[in-house]
Amino acid sequence: MADEKKPAEGAEEAKEEEKPAEGKKKSPIIIIAVLVLVGLVLAAGISYFVATKILSNSVAEEGAPRYHDPGVFIKLGDAKEGLLVNVGGIKGGRFLKVGIVLEMNPGKQDNIKEGKLNPVAETKMLDTVLQILRSEPLDGFDAQKQEALKDKIKVEVNHTLGEGSIYNVYITSFVLQ
């Protein structure tokens, strides 16, 4: 019986020696698989960060949303002539004839009712735009500064009528003499 146990013990020892050899072969494969998995998780995390933080910040910096309901277009001043303003101060002797169209938010019921501009809102808009044009120095009417002038009109009219009232400002004619 003692002889019978010895071969069984020898067989067990041989099997134990084979197990570590198989474990050593599997561990580099497992390590590589874990490293690849960690790399994929890192790549996904970085992609998510870029998509949510960096791209959303660039969209937020652009200001108002690009897409909005179609606005109501209102021309300021005379339907044909637009606005005629004395610019450069009283002694400036210069006149500006300008056509300004404002794209207004139709959802603002205080300003627009049934597609028509409220007379109170029209008076406030005209007053604000005329004050801006009169107070602007002559070099502020330069062609390169036209976008800044439109932005200034938009900001001031929105401040007067309530934020979100004006979507955009369009200058349709511009004569300075």
N, C-alpha and C. Protein backbone atom coordinates (compact mmCIF):
# COMPACT_ATOMS: atom_id res chain seq x y z
N MET A 1 0.79 -1.18 0.00
CA MET A 1 0.00 0.00 0.00
C MET A 1 0.84 1.24 0.00
N ALA A 2 1.93 1.15 0.70
CA ALA A 2 2.82 2.29 0.71
C ALA A 2 3.34 2.56 -0.67
N ASP A 3 3.54 1.46 -1.43
CA ASP A 3 4.02 1.64 -2.79
C ASP A 3 2.96 2.30 -3.66
N GLU A 4 1.74 2.03 -3.39
CA GLU A 4 0.68 2.59 -4.20
C GLU A 4 0.56 4.09 -3.98
N LYS A 5 0.81 4.55 -2.79
CA LYS A 5 0.68 5.97 -2.50
C LYS A 5 1.79 6.78 -3.13
N LYS A 6 2.94 6.18 -3.24
CA LYS A 6 4.08 6.92 -3.78
C LYS A 6 3.87 7.32 -5.23
N PRO A 7 3.39 6.44 -6.12
CA PRO A 7 3.20 6.90 -7.48
C PRO A 7 2.12 7.97 -7.56
N ALA A 8 1.12 7.89 -6.75
CA ALA A 8 0.07 8.90 -6.78
C ALA A 8 0.63 10.24 -6.33
N GLU A 9 1.51 10.21 -5.32
CA GLU A 9 2.12 11.45 -4.88
C GLU A 9 3.02 12.03 -5.95
N GLY A 10 3.72 11.20 -6.65
CA GLY A 10 4.60 11.66 -7.73
C GLY A 10 3.78 12.26 -8.87
N ALA A 11 2.62 11.70 -9.13
CA ALA A 11 1.76 12.22 -10.20
C ALA A 11 1.21 13.58 -9.79
N GLU A 12 0.88 13.72 -8.50
CA GLU A 12 0.37 14.99 -8.02
C GLU A 12 1.43 16.07 -8.11
N GLU A 13 2.66 15.70 -7.78
CA GLU A 13 3.75 16.67 -7.85
C GLU A 13 3.99 17.09 -9.30
N ALA A 14 3.86 16.18 -10.23
CA ALA A 14 4.05 16.51 -11.64
C ALA A 14 2.94 17.44 -12.11
N LYS A 15 1.72 17.22 -11.65
CA LYS A 15 0.60 18.09 -12.03
C LYS A 15 0.79 19.48 -11.45
N GLU A 16 1.29 19.57 -10.21
CA GLU A 16 1.53 20.87 -9.58
C GLU A 16 2.60 21.64 -10.33
N GLU A 17 3.60 20.93 -10.84
CA GLU A 17 4.65 21.61 -11.60
C GLU A 17 4.12 22.13 -12.92
N GLU A 18 3.15 21.46 -13.52
CA GLU A 18 2.57 21.89 -14.80
C GLU A 18 1.67 23.12 -14.59
N LYS A 19 0.99 23.20 -13.49
CA LYS A 19 0.09 24.32 -13.23
C LYS A 19 0.82 25.66 -13.19
N PRO A 20 1.92 25.77 -12.49
CA PRO A 20 2.61 27.05 -12.52
C PRO A 20 3.11 27.39 -13.92
N ALA A 21 3.49 26.40 -14.69
CA ALA A 21 3.95 26.67 -16.04
C ALA A 21 2.79 27.22 -16.87
N GLU A 22 1.58 26.68 -16.72
CA GLU A 22 0.42 27.19 -17.45
C GLU A 22 0.04 28.58 -16.94
N GLY A 23 0.13 28.83 -15.66
CA GLY A 23 -0.19 30.12 -15.06
C GLY A 23 0.76 31.20 -15.55
N LYS A 24 2.02 30.84 -15.72
CA LYS A 24 3.00 31.81 -16.22
C LYS A 24 2.70 32.17 -17.66
N LYS A 25 2.20 31.26 -18.44
CA LYS A 25 1.87 31.54 -19.83
C LYS A 25 0.62 32.41 -19.92
N LYS A 26 -0.32 32.23 -19.03
CA LYS A 26 -1.56 32.99 -19.06
C LYS A 26 -1.38 34.41 -18.54
N SER A 27 -0.50 34.63 -17.61
CA SER A 27 -0.37 35.95 -17.00
C SER A 27 0.07 37.03 -17.99
N PRO A 28 0.97 36.84 -18.95
CA PRO A 28 1.25 37.91 -19.91
C PRO A 28 0.04 38.22 -20.78
N ILE A 29 -0.75 37.23 -21.12
CA ILE A 29 -1.94 37.47 -21.93
C ILE A 29 -2.95 38.28 -21.13
N ILE A 30 -3.10 37.93 -19.86
CA ILE A 30 -4.04 38.65 -19.00
C ILE A 30 -3.56 40.09 -18.80
N ILE A 31 -2.29 40.28 -18.60
CA ILE A 31 -1.74 41.63 -18.41
C ILE A 31 -1.96 42.47 -19.66
N ILE A 32 -1.73 41.92 -20.82
CA ILE A 32 -1.94 42.65 -22.08
C ILE A 32 -3.41 43.00 -22.24
N ALA A 33 -4.30 42.05 -21.95
CA ALA A 33 -5.74 42.30 -22.07
C ALA A 33 -6.17 43.41 -21.11
N VAL A 34 -5.66 43.40 -19.90
CA VAL A 34 -6.01 44.44 -18.92
C VAL A 34 -5.47 45.80 -19.38
N LEU A 35 -4.27 45.84 -19.90
CA LEU A 35 -3.70 47.10 -20.38
C LEU A 35 -4.50 47.66 -21.55
N VAL A 36 -4.90 46.78 -22.47
CA VAL A 36 -5.71 47.23 -23.60
C VAL A 36 -7.06 47.77 -23.10
N LEU A 37 -7.66 47.09 -22.15
CA LEU A 37 -8.94 47.53 -21.58
C LEU A 37 -8.80 48.88 -20.88
N VAL A 38 -7.74 49.05 -20.11
CA VAL A 38 -7.48 50.33 -19.44
C VAL A 38 -7.26 51.44 -20.48
N GLY A 39 -6.54 51.13 -21.55
CA GLY A 39 -6.31 52.12 -22.60
C GLY A 39 -7.61 52.54 -23.27
N LEU A 40 -8.49 51.60 -23.53
CA LEU A 40 -9.78 51.93 -24.13
C LEU A 40 -10.63 52.79 -23.20
N VAL A 41 -10.63 52.48 -21.92
CA VAL A 41 -11.38 53.28 -20.96
C VAL A 41 -10.83 54.70 -20.89
N LEU A 42 -9.52 54.84 -20.89
CA LEU A 42 -8.91 56.19 -20.89
C LEU A 42 -9.27 56.96 -22.15
N ALA A 43 -9.20 56.30 -23.29
CA ALA A 43 -9.55 56.97 -24.56
C ALA A 43 -11.01 57.41 -24.55
N ALA A 44 -11.89 56.56 -24.05
CA ALA A 44 -13.30 56.93 -23.98
C ALA A 44 -13.51 58.10 -23.02
N GLY A 45 -12.81 58.10 -21.89
CA GLY A 45 -12.94 59.20 -20.93
C GLY A 45 -12.45 60.52 -21.49
N ILE A 46 -11.34 60.48 -22.19
CA ILE A 46 -10.80 61.71 -22.79
C ILE A 46 -11.74 62.22 -23.88
N SER A 47 -12.27 61.32 -24.68
CA SER A 47 -13.20 61.72 -25.74
C SER A 47 -14.45 62.34 -25.14
N TYR A 48 -14.96 61.76 -24.08
CA TYR A 48 -16.14 62.31 -23.42
C TYR A 48 -15.85 63.71 -22.87
N PHE A 49 -14.70 63.88 -22.24
CA PHE A 49 -14.32 65.18 -21.70
C PHE A 49 -14.24 66.24 -22.80
N VAL A 50 -13.59 65.90 -23.90
CA VAL A 50 -13.45 66.84 -25.01
C VAL A 50 -14.82 67.20 -25.57
N ALA A 51 -15.66 66.20 -25.75
CA ALA A 51 -16.97 66.45 -26.33
C ALA A 51 -17.86 67.29 -25.43
N THR A 52 -17.82 67.06 -24.14
CA THR A 52 -18.73 67.78 -23.25
C THR A 52 -18.19 69.12 -22.78
N LYS A 53 -16.94 69.19 -22.44
CA LYS A 53 -16.41 70.42 -21.85
C LYS A 53 -15.91 71.40 -22.89
N ILE A 54 -15.01 70.98 -23.72
CA ILE A 54 -14.35 71.90 -24.65
C ILE A 54 -15.31 72.34 -25.74
N LEU A 55 -16.02 71.42 -26.36
CA LEU A 55 -16.93 71.79 -27.44
C LEU A 55 -18.12 72.57 -26.92
N SER A 56 -18.63 72.23 -25.75
CA SER A 56 -19.76 72.99 -25.21
C SER A 56 -19.33 74.40 -24.83
N ASN A 57 -18.10 74.58 -24.39
CA ASN A 57 -17.61 75.93 -24.08
C ASN A 57 -17.51 76.77 -25.33
N SER A 58 -17.08 76.20 -26.45
CA SER A 58 -16.97 76.98 -27.67
C SER A 58 -18.34 77.37 -28.19
N VAL A 59 -19.35 76.54 -28.00
CA VAL A 59 -20.71 76.88 -28.40
C VAL A 59 -21.26 77.95 -27.48
N ALA A 60 -20.97 77.85 -26.20
CA ALA A 60 -21.47 78.85 -25.24
C ALA A 60 -20.84 80.21 -25.47
N GLU A 61 -19.60 80.26 -25.93
CA GLU A 61 -18.92 81.53 -26.17
C GLU A 61 -19.53 82.28 -27.35
N GLU A 62 -20.19 81.57 -28.24
CA GLU A 62 -20.75 82.23 -29.40
C GLU A 62 -21.96 83.08 -29.04
N GLY A 63 -22.47 82.93 -27.84
CA GLY A 63 -23.56 83.77 -27.38
C GLY A 63 -24.90 83.13 -27.57
N ALA A 64 -25.83 83.87 -28.18
CA ALA A 64 -27.20 83.41 -28.32
C ALA A 64 -27.28 82.17 -29.20
N PRO A 65 -28.32 81.41 -29.02
CA PRO A 65 -28.46 80.23 -29.86
C PRO A 65 -28.58 80.59 -31.32
N ARG A 66 -28.06 79.75 -32.16
CA ARG A 66 -28.08 80.03 -33.59
C ARG A 66 -29.49 79.92 -34.17
N TYR A 67 -30.25 78.98 -33.65
CA TYR A 67 -31.56 78.71 -34.21
C TYR A 67 -32.63 79.23 -33.27
N HIS A 68 -33.59 79.94 -33.84
CA HIS A 68 -34.69 80.48 -33.06
C HIS A 68 -35.92 80.54 -33.95
N ASP A 69 -37.04 80.86 -33.35
CA ASP A 69 -38.26 81.00 -34.13
C ASP A 69 -38.07 82.13 -35.13
N PRO A 70 -38.75 82.05 -36.28
CA PRO A 70 -38.64 83.16 -37.23
C PRO A 70 -39.10 84.45 -36.57
N GLY A 71 -38.32 85.48 -36.75
CA GLY A 71 -38.63 86.74 -36.11
C GLY A 71 -39.54 87.61 -36.96
N VAL A 72 -40.01 88.68 -36.34
CA VAL A 72 -40.81 89.69 -37.03
C VAL A 72 -39.86 90.83 -37.36
N PHE A 73 -39.81 91.21 -38.65
CA PHE A 73 -38.90 92.26 -39.09
C PHE A 73 -39.60 93.61 -39.02
N ILE A 74 -38.95 94.54 -38.30
CA ILE A 74 -39.50 95.88 -38.11
C ILE A 74 -38.48 96.89 -38.62
N LYS A 75 -38.92 97.75 -39.55
CA LYS A 75 -38.04 98.81 -40.06
C LYS A 75 -38.26 100.06 -39.23
N LEU A 76 -37.17 100.63 -38.76
CA LEU A 76 -37.26 101.83 -37.94
C LEU A 76 -37.31 103.07 -38.83
N GLY A 77 -38.09 104.05 -38.37
CA GLY A 77 -38.18 105.32 -39.08
C GLY A 77 -39.17 105.25 -40.23
N ASP A 78 -38.96 106.13 -41.21
CA ASP A 78 -39.82 106.22 -42.39
C ASP A 78 -39.68 104.95 -43.23
N ALA A 79 -40.78 104.50 -43.80
CA ALA A 79 -40.75 103.25 -44.57
C ALA A 79 -39.80 103.33 -45.76
N LYS A 80 -39.72 104.49 -46.42
CA LYS A 80 -38.82 104.64 -47.57
C LYS A 80 -37.44 105.15 -47.17
N GLU A 81 -37.42 106.16 -46.37
CA GLU A 81 -36.18 106.86 -46.07
C GLU A 81 -35.38 106.26 -44.91
N GLY A 82 -36.04 105.67 -43.95
CA GLY A 82 -35.34 105.18 -42.78
C GLY A 82 -35.20 106.29 -41.75
N LEU A 83 -34.03 106.41 -41.18
CA LEU A 83 -33.77 107.43 -40.16
C LEU A 83 -32.80 108.47 -40.70
N LEU A 84 -33.03 109.72 -40.36
CA LEU A 84 -32.14 110.81 -40.71
C LEU A 84 -31.66 111.42 -39.39
N VAL A 85 -30.34 111.36 -39.15
CA VAL A 85 -29.80 111.74 -37.85
C VAL A 85 -28.64 112.71 -38.05
N ASN A 86 -28.59 113.74 -37.18
CA ASN A 86 -27.46 114.64 -37.12
C ASN A 86 -26.39 113.97 -36.26
N VAL A 87 -25.24 113.67 -36.85
CA VAL A 87 -24.19 112.98 -36.11
C VAL A 87 -22.99 113.89 -35.93
N GLY A 88 -22.14 113.55 -35.00
CA GLY A 88 -20.93 114.34 -34.77
C GLY A 88 -21.18 115.57 -33.92
N GLY A 89 -22.28 115.62 -33.20
CA GLY A 89 -22.59 116.77 -32.35
C GLY A 89 -23.32 117.85 -33.11
N ILE A 90 -23.72 118.87 -32.41
CA ILE A 90 -24.50 119.95 -33.01
C ILE A 90 -23.66 120.72 -34.03
N LYS A 91 -22.40 120.92 -33.72
CA LYS A 91 -21.53 121.68 -34.62
C LYS A 91 -20.87 120.79 -35.67
N GLY A 92 -21.18 119.51 -35.66
CA GLY A 92 -20.56 118.59 -36.60
C GLY A 92 -21.00 118.84 -38.03
N GLY A 93 -22.25 119.18 -38.22
CA GLY A 93 -22.74 119.47 -39.55
C GLY A 93 -22.82 118.24 -40.46
N ARG A 94 -22.82 117.08 -39.91
CA ARG A 94 -22.89 115.84 -40.69
C ARG A 94 -24.22 115.16 -40.43
N PHE A 95 -24.71 114.51 -41.49
CA PHE A 95 -25.98 113.81 -41.39
C PHE A 95 -25.80 112.35 -41.79
N LEU A 96 -26.54 111.51 -41.13
CA LEU A 96 -26.53 110.09 -41.43
C LEU A 96 -27.95 109.68 -41.81
N LYS A 97 -28.05 109.11 -42.99
CA LYS A 97 -29.32 108.55 -43.44
C LYS A 97 -29.13 107.03 -43.43
N VAL A 98 -29.87 106.36 -42.55
CA VAL A 98 -29.65 104.94 -42.34
C VAL A 98 -30.98 104.19 -42.29
N GLY A 99 -30.97 103.02 -42.92
CA GLY A 99 -32.11 102.12 -42.84
C GLY A 99 -31.76 100.98 -41.89
N ILE A 100 -32.51 100.86 -40.82
CA ILE A 100 -32.25 99.82 -39.82
C ILE A 100 -33.49 98.94 -39.69
N VAL A 101 -33.27 97.64 -39.80
CA VAL A 101 -34.34 96.66 -39.63
C VAL A 101 -33.97 95.80 -38.43
N LEU A 102 -34.91 95.65 -37.51
CA LEU A 102 -34.70 94.83 -36.32
C LEU A 102 -35.52 93.55 -36.46
N GLU A 103 -34.87 92.42 -36.20
CA GLU A 103 -35.58 91.14 -36.18
C GLU A 103 -35.98 90.89 -34.73
N MET A 104 -37.28 90.92 -34.49
CA MET A 104 -37.79 90.85 -33.11
C MET A 104 -38.37 89.48 -32.80
N ASN A 105 -38.31 89.14 -31.53
CA ASN A 105 -38.84 87.88 -31.02
C ASN A 105 -40.37 87.96 -31.01
N PRO A 106 -41.03 87.10 -31.78
CA PRO A 106 -42.50 87.16 -31.81
C PRO A 106 -43.14 86.66 -30.51
N GLY A 107 -42.38 85.99 -29.68
CA GLY A 107 -42.90 85.46 -28.43
C GLY A 107 -43.05 86.52 -27.35
N LYS A 108 -42.42 87.66 -27.52
CA LYS A 108 -42.52 88.74 -26.52
C LYS A 108 -43.83 89.51 -26.75
N GLN A 109 -44.85 89.15 -26.00
CA GLN A 109 -46.18 89.73 -26.19
C GLN A 109 -46.23 91.20 -25.78
N ASP A 110 -45.28 91.66 -24.97
CA ASP A 110 -45.27 93.06 -24.57
C ASP A 110 -44.92 93.97 -25.74
N ASN A 111 -44.14 93.46 -26.69
CA ASN A 111 -43.65 94.27 -27.79
C ASN A 111 -44.44 94.06 -29.08
N ILE A 112 -44.85 92.84 -29.35
CA ILE A 112 -45.53 92.52 -30.61
C ILE A 112 -46.85 91.83 -30.28
N LYS A 113 -47.92 92.37 -30.83
CA LYS A 113 -49.23 91.75 -30.68
C LYS A 113 -49.84 91.58 -32.06
N GLU A 114 -50.23 90.36 -32.35
CA GLU A 114 -50.85 90.01 -33.63
C GLU A 114 -49.98 90.44 -34.82
N GLY A 115 -48.68 90.29 -34.67
CA GLY A 115 -47.76 90.59 -35.77
C GLY A 115 -47.44 92.07 -35.94
N LYS A 116 -47.98 92.91 -35.07
CA LYS A 116 -47.75 94.36 -35.18
C LYS A 116 -47.00 94.84 -33.95
N LEU A 117 -46.16 95.83 -34.17
CA LEU A 117 -45.34 96.39 -33.10
C LEU A 117 -46.18 97.29 -32.20
N ASN A 118 -46.04 97.11 -30.92
CA ASN A 118 -46.70 97.93 -29.92
C ASN A 118 -46.15 99.35 -30.02
N PRO A 119 -46.99 100.39 -30.05
CA PRO A 119 -46.49 101.78 -30.18
C PRO A 119 -45.52 102.19 -29.07
N VAL A 120 -45.72 101.70 -27.86
CA VAL A 120 -44.82 102.03 -26.76
C VAL A 120 -43.44 101.43 -27.03
N ALA A 121 -43.41 100.18 -27.47
CA ALA A 121 -42.14 99.53 -27.78
C ALA A 121 -41.45 100.23 -28.95
N GLU A 122 -42.22 100.67 -29.95
CA GLU A 122 -41.64 101.37 -31.10
C GLU A 122 -40.99 102.68 -30.66
N THR A 123 -41.65 103.41 -29.78
CA THR A 123 -41.11 104.67 -29.29
C THR A 123 -39.81 104.44 -28.51
N LYS A 124 -39.80 103.42 -27.66
CA LYS A 124 -38.59 103.09 -26.90
C LYS A 124 -37.44 102.68 -27.83
N MET A 125 -37.76 101.89 -28.86
CA MET A 125 -36.72 101.45 -29.79
C MET A 125 -36.14 102.64 -30.56
N LEU A 126 -37.00 103.49 -31.09
CA LEU A 126 -36.52 104.66 -31.84
C LEU A 126 -35.67 105.56 -30.96
N ASP A 127 -36.10 105.81 -29.75
CA ASP A 127 -35.35 106.65 -28.84
C ASP A 127 -33.97 106.06 -28.56
N THR A 128 -33.92 104.78 -28.28
CA THR A 128 -32.65 104.12 -27.98
C THR A 128 -31.71 104.16 -29.17
N VAL A 129 -32.21 103.83 -30.35
CA VAL A 129 -31.36 103.80 -31.55
C VAL A 129 -30.88 105.20 -31.90
N LEU A 130 -31.75 106.20 -31.81
CA LEU A 130 -31.33 107.58 -32.11
C LEU A 130 -30.27 108.06 -31.12
N GLN A 131 -30.41 107.72 -29.85
CA GLN A 131 -29.39 108.11 -28.87
C GLN A 131 -28.05 107.46 -29.19
N ILE A 132 -28.08 106.21 -29.59
CA ILE A 132 -26.83 105.52 -29.94
C ILE A 132 -26.18 106.18 -31.14
N LEU A 133 -26.97 106.45 -32.17
CA LEU A 133 -26.42 107.05 -33.40
C LEU A 133 -25.90 108.46 -33.15
N ARG A 134 -26.60 109.24 -32.35
CA ARG A 134 -26.16 110.62 -32.06
C ARG A 134 -24.90 110.64 -31.20
N SER A 135 -24.78 109.71 -30.28
CA SER A 135 -23.63 109.73 -29.38
C SER A 135 -22.39 109.07 -29.97
N GLU A 136 -22.54 108.37 -31.08
CA GLU A 136 -21.41 107.69 -31.71
C GLU A 136 -20.48 108.73 -32.38
N PRO A 137 -19.18 108.65 -32.13
CA PRO A 137 -18.26 109.57 -32.81
C PRO A 137 -18.20 109.23 -34.31
N LEU A 138 -17.73 110.18 -35.09
CA LEU A 138 -17.72 109.99 -36.55
C LEU A 138 -16.91 108.77 -36.98
N ASP A 139 -15.81 108.49 -36.30
CA ASP A 139 -15.02 107.33 -36.70
C ASP A 139 -15.73 106.01 -36.34
N GLY A 140 -16.78 106.08 -35.54
CA GLY A 140 -17.56 104.89 -35.20
C GLY A 140 -18.45 104.42 -36.34
N PHE A 141 -18.60 105.25 -37.37
CA PHE A 141 -19.42 104.89 -38.53
C PHE A 141 -18.59 104.31 -39.67
N ASP A 142 -17.34 104.02 -39.39
CA ASP A 142 -16.46 103.41 -40.38
C ASP A 142 -17.01 102.03 -40.76
N ALA A 143 -16.78 101.63 -42.01
CA ALA A 143 -17.31 100.35 -42.50
C ALA A 143 -16.80 99.16 -41.69
N GLN A 144 -15.57 99.24 -41.20
CA GLN A 144 -15.02 98.13 -40.42
C GLN A 144 -15.67 98.03 -39.05
N LYS A 145 -16.28 99.09 -38.58
CA LYS A 145 -16.89 99.10 -37.25
C LYS A 145 -18.40 98.91 -37.31
N GLN A 146 -18.94 98.53 -38.46
CA GLN A 146 -20.37 98.39 -38.62
C GLN A 146 -20.93 97.25 -37.76
N GLU A 147 -20.20 96.15 -37.65
CA GLU A 147 -20.66 95.03 -36.81
C GLU A 147 -20.72 95.45 -35.34
N ALA A 148 -19.75 96.22 -34.90
CA ALA A 148 -19.76 96.69 -33.51
C ALA A 148 -20.96 97.60 -33.27
N LEU A 149 -21.29 98.43 -34.25
CA LEU A 149 -22.44 99.33 -34.13
C LEU A 149 -23.74 98.51 -34.06
N LYS A 150 -23.85 97.48 -34.88
CA LYS A 150 -25.04 96.62 -34.85
C LYS A 150 -25.16 95.89 -33.51
N ASP A 151 -24.04 95.42 -32.99
CA ASP A 151 -24.06 94.75 -31.68
C ASP A 151 -24.47 95.72 -30.58
N LYS A 152 -23.97 96.94 -30.65
CA LYS A 152 -24.31 97.94 -29.65
C LYS A 152 -25.80 98.26 -29.69
N ILE A 153 -26.35 98.39 -30.88
CA ILE A 153 -27.79 98.65 -31.02
C ILE A 153 -28.59 97.48 -30.45
N LYS A 154 -28.18 96.27 -30.78
CA LYS A 154 -28.90 95.08 -30.30
C LYS A 154 -28.89 95.01 -28.77
N VAL A 155 -27.72 95.21 -28.17
CA VAL A 155 -27.60 95.13 -26.71
C VAL A 155 -28.44 96.20 -26.03
N GLU A 156 -28.36 97.43 -26.54
CA GLU A 156 -29.08 98.53 -25.88
C GLU A 156 -30.60 98.40 -26.05
N VAL A 157 -31.06 97.98 -27.22
CA VAL A 157 -32.50 97.82 -27.42
C VAL A 157 -33.01 96.65 -26.58
N ASN A 158 -32.23 95.57 -26.50
CA ASN A 158 -32.61 94.44 -25.64
C ASN A 158 -32.68 94.88 -24.18
N HIS A 159 -31.76 95.76 -23.79
CA HIS A 159 -31.78 96.27 -22.41
C HIS A 159 -33.04 97.11 -22.17
N THR A 160 -33.44 97.87 -23.17
CA THR A 160 -34.61 98.74 -23.04
C THR A 160 -35.92 97.95 -23.05
N LEU A 161 -36.03 96.99 -23.98
CA LEU A 161 -37.30 96.26 -24.14
C LEU A 161 -37.36 94.97 -23.34
N GLY A 162 -36.23 94.49 -22.88
CA GLY A 162 -36.18 93.21 -22.17
C GLY A 162 -35.31 92.24 -22.94
N GLU A 163 -34.51 91.48 -22.21
CA GLU A 163 -33.58 90.55 -22.85
C GLU A 163 -34.32 89.56 -23.74
N GLY A 164 -33.73 89.31 -24.91
CA GLY A 164 -34.32 88.35 -25.85
C GLY A 164 -35.36 88.97 -26.77
N SER A 165 -35.55 90.28 -26.71
CA SER A 165 -36.54 90.93 -27.57
C SER A 165 -36.06 91.04 -29.00
N ILE A 166 -34.76 91.27 -29.18
CA ILE A 166 -34.19 91.47 -30.51
C ILE A 166 -33.27 90.30 -30.83
N TYR A 167 -33.53 89.65 -31.96
CA TYR A 167 -32.65 88.58 -32.42
C TYR A 167 -31.44 89.13 -33.16
N ASN A 168 -31.69 90.08 -34.07
CA ASN A 168 -30.60 90.57 -34.90
C ASN A 168 -30.92 91.98 -35.39
N VAL A 169 -29.87 92.69 -35.82
CA VAL A 169 -30.00 94.04 -36.36
C VAL A 169 -29.42 94.02 -37.77
N TYR A 170 -30.17 94.58 -38.71
CA TYR A 170 -29.71 94.65 -40.10
C TYR A 170 -29.67 96.11 -40.53
N ILE A 171 -28.59 96.51 -41.16
CA ILE A 171 -28.46 97.85 -41.70
C ILE A 171 -28.66 97.72 -43.20
N THR A 172 -29.76 98.28 -43.72
CA THR A 172 -30.11 98.09 -45.13
C THR A 172 -29.61 99.23 -46.01
N SER A 173 -29.43 100.39 -45.46
CA SER A 173 -28.83 101.51 -46.21
C SER A 173 -28.04 102.37 -45.23
N PHE A 174 -27.01 103.03 -45.78
CA PHE A 174 -26.11 103.78 -44.91
C PHE A 174 -25.44 104.87 -45.72
N VAL A 175 -25.86 106.13 -45.49
CA VAL A 175 -25.27 107.27 -46.21
C VAL A 175 -24.86 108.30 -45.17
N LEU A 176 -23.58 108.65 -45.17
CA LEU A 176 -23.06 109.65 -44.24
C LEU A 176 -22.51 110.80 -45.06
N GLN A 177 -23.02 112.03 -44.82
CA GLN A 177 -22.50 113.20 -45.54
C GLN A 177 -22.40 114.40 -44.63
